[in-house]
Amino acid sequence: MSAEKTLRTCEKGHQFYKSSDCKSCPICDKESKPETGFLSVVSSPVRRALLSEGIDTLEKLSEHTQKEILALHGIGPSSIPVLKASLEEENLDFKS
């Protein structure tokens, strides 16, 4: 049985339905998605988690271990291969 969806309005006035307590607006998420770069190939929760930690470049990402990145809310094991591939394209890797 799924939770009941409720109508919400974000700070920008977008209206959307959500069944979870997550406050993110799907319309704002789409509007803020970059067209290029590694943040354009990850999901919105991953992008929000990284940006909330100030990780907006691959160089900054490479300063963290996989374990540190996985500890962020919104990032799961399936996002690591995508992030790792982006790092490898720039001859970078997660911190050991």
Protein backbone atom coordinates (compact mmCIF):
# COMPACT_ATOMS: atom_id res chain seq x y z
CA MET A 1 0.00 0.00 0.00
CA SER A 2 1.50 3.35 -1.01
CA ALA A 3 1.37 6.54 1.02
CA GLU A 4 -1.14 9.17 0.08
CA LYS A 5 0.25 11.99 -2.07
CA THR A 6 -0.29 15.53 -0.89
CA LEU A 7 -0.22 18.73 -2.90
CA ARG A 8 2.78 20.89 -2.05
CA THR A 9 4.08 24.26 -3.15
CA CYS A 10 7.79 25.08 -3.22
CA GLU A 11 9.43 28.45 -2.49
CA LYS A 12 9.25 29.36 -6.18
CA GLY A 13 5.51 28.64 -6.33
CA HIS A 14 5.66 25.32 -8.20
CA GLN A 15 2.92 22.93 -7.20
CA PHE A 16 3.53 19.18 -7.11
CA TYR A 17 2.33 16.03 -5.37
CA LYS A 18 4.57 14.03 -3.04
CA SER A 19 3.98 11.04 -0.81
CA SER A 20 7.25 11.30 1.12
CA ASP A 21 8.57 13.88 3.58
CA CYS A 22 11.23 14.93 1.05
CA LYS A 23 10.96 18.68 0.54
CA SER A 24 12.62 18.79 -2.88
CA CYS A 25 10.56 20.15 -5.73
CA PRO A 26 10.76 18.00 -8.87
CA ILE A 27 10.22 21.04 -11.08
CA CYS A 28 13.09 22.96 -9.46
CA ASP A 29 15.25 19.81 -9.72
CA LYS A 30 14.67 19.65 -13.48
CA GLU A 31 15.34 23.37 -13.88
CA SER A 32 18.61 23.18 -11.94
CA LYS A 33 19.96 20.08 -13.70
CA PRO A 34 23.15 20.98 -15.58
CA GLU A 35 23.29 20.15 -19.29
CA THR A 36 26.93 19.04 -19.16
CA GLY A 37 29.46 17.77 -16.65
CA PHE A 38 29.34 14.96 -14.14
CA LEU A 39 26.42 16.48 -12.25
CA SER A 40 24.31 16.12 -15.40
CA VAL A 41 24.62 12.31 -15.39
CA VAL A 42 23.65 11.65 -11.78
CA SER A 43 20.18 11.57 -10.25
CA SER A 44 18.69 14.58 -8.47
CA PRO A 45 19.20 13.10 -4.97
CA VAL A 46 22.87 12.45 -5.73
CA ARG A 47 23.32 15.92 -7.20
CA ARG A 48 21.66 17.55 -4.15
CA ALA A 49 23.78 15.49 -1.74
CA LEU A 50 27.02 16.44 -3.48
CA LEU A 51 26.14 20.10 -3.83
CA SER A 52 25.07 20.32 -0.18
CA GLU A 53 28.63 19.28 0.70
CA GLY A 54 30.15 21.80 -1.73
CA ILE A 55 31.22 19.08 -4.17
CA ASP A 56 30.63 20.72 -7.54
CA THR A 57 33.72 19.60 -9.45
CA LEU A 58 35.40 16.27 -10.09
CA GLU A 59 38.51 17.61 -8.37
CA LYS A 60 36.50 18.17 -5.19
CA LEU A 61 34.90 14.74 -5.55
CA SER A 62 38.35 13.14 -5.81
CA GLU A 63 39.22 14.56 -2.38
CA HIS A 64 36.73 12.13 -0.78
CA THR A 65 36.71 8.38 -0.28
CA GLN A 66 33.91 6.23 -1.66
CA LYS A 67 32.90 5.51 1.93
CA GLU A 68 32.56 9.25 2.68
CA ILE A 69 30.43 9.77 -0.44
CA LEU A 70 28.23 6.77 0.37
CA ALA A 71 27.61 8.22 3.85
CA LEU A 72 25.83 11.23 2.31
CA HIS A 73 22.04 11.14 2.42
CA GLY A 74 20.75 10.53 -1.10
CA ILE A 75 23.72 8.55 -2.38
CA GLY A 76 23.58 4.79 -2.69
CA PRO A 77 25.90 2.09 -4.03
CA SER A 78 24.49 2.28 -7.55
CA SER A 79 25.74 5.86 -7.94
CA ILE A 80 29.39 4.97 -7.28
CA PRO A 81 30.10 3.41 -10.73
CA VAL A 82 28.69 6.52 -12.45
CA LEU A 83 30.79 8.83 -10.29
CA LYS A 84 33.86 6.63 -10.71
CA ALA A 85 33.48 6.64 -14.51
CA SER A 86 33.25 10.44 -14.50
CA LEU A 87 36.40 10.65 -12.37
CA GLU A 88 38.26 8.23 -14.65
CA GLU A 89 37.42 10.34 -17.72
CA GLU A 90 39.52 13.09 -16.13
CA ASN A 91 42.25 10.70 -14.89
CA LEU A 92 41.03 11.11 -11.32
CA ASP A 93 39.85 8.65 -8.68
CA PHE A 94 38.32 8.61 -5.23
CA LYS A 95 40.71 9.26 -2.38
CA SER A 96 42.20 6.03 -0.98
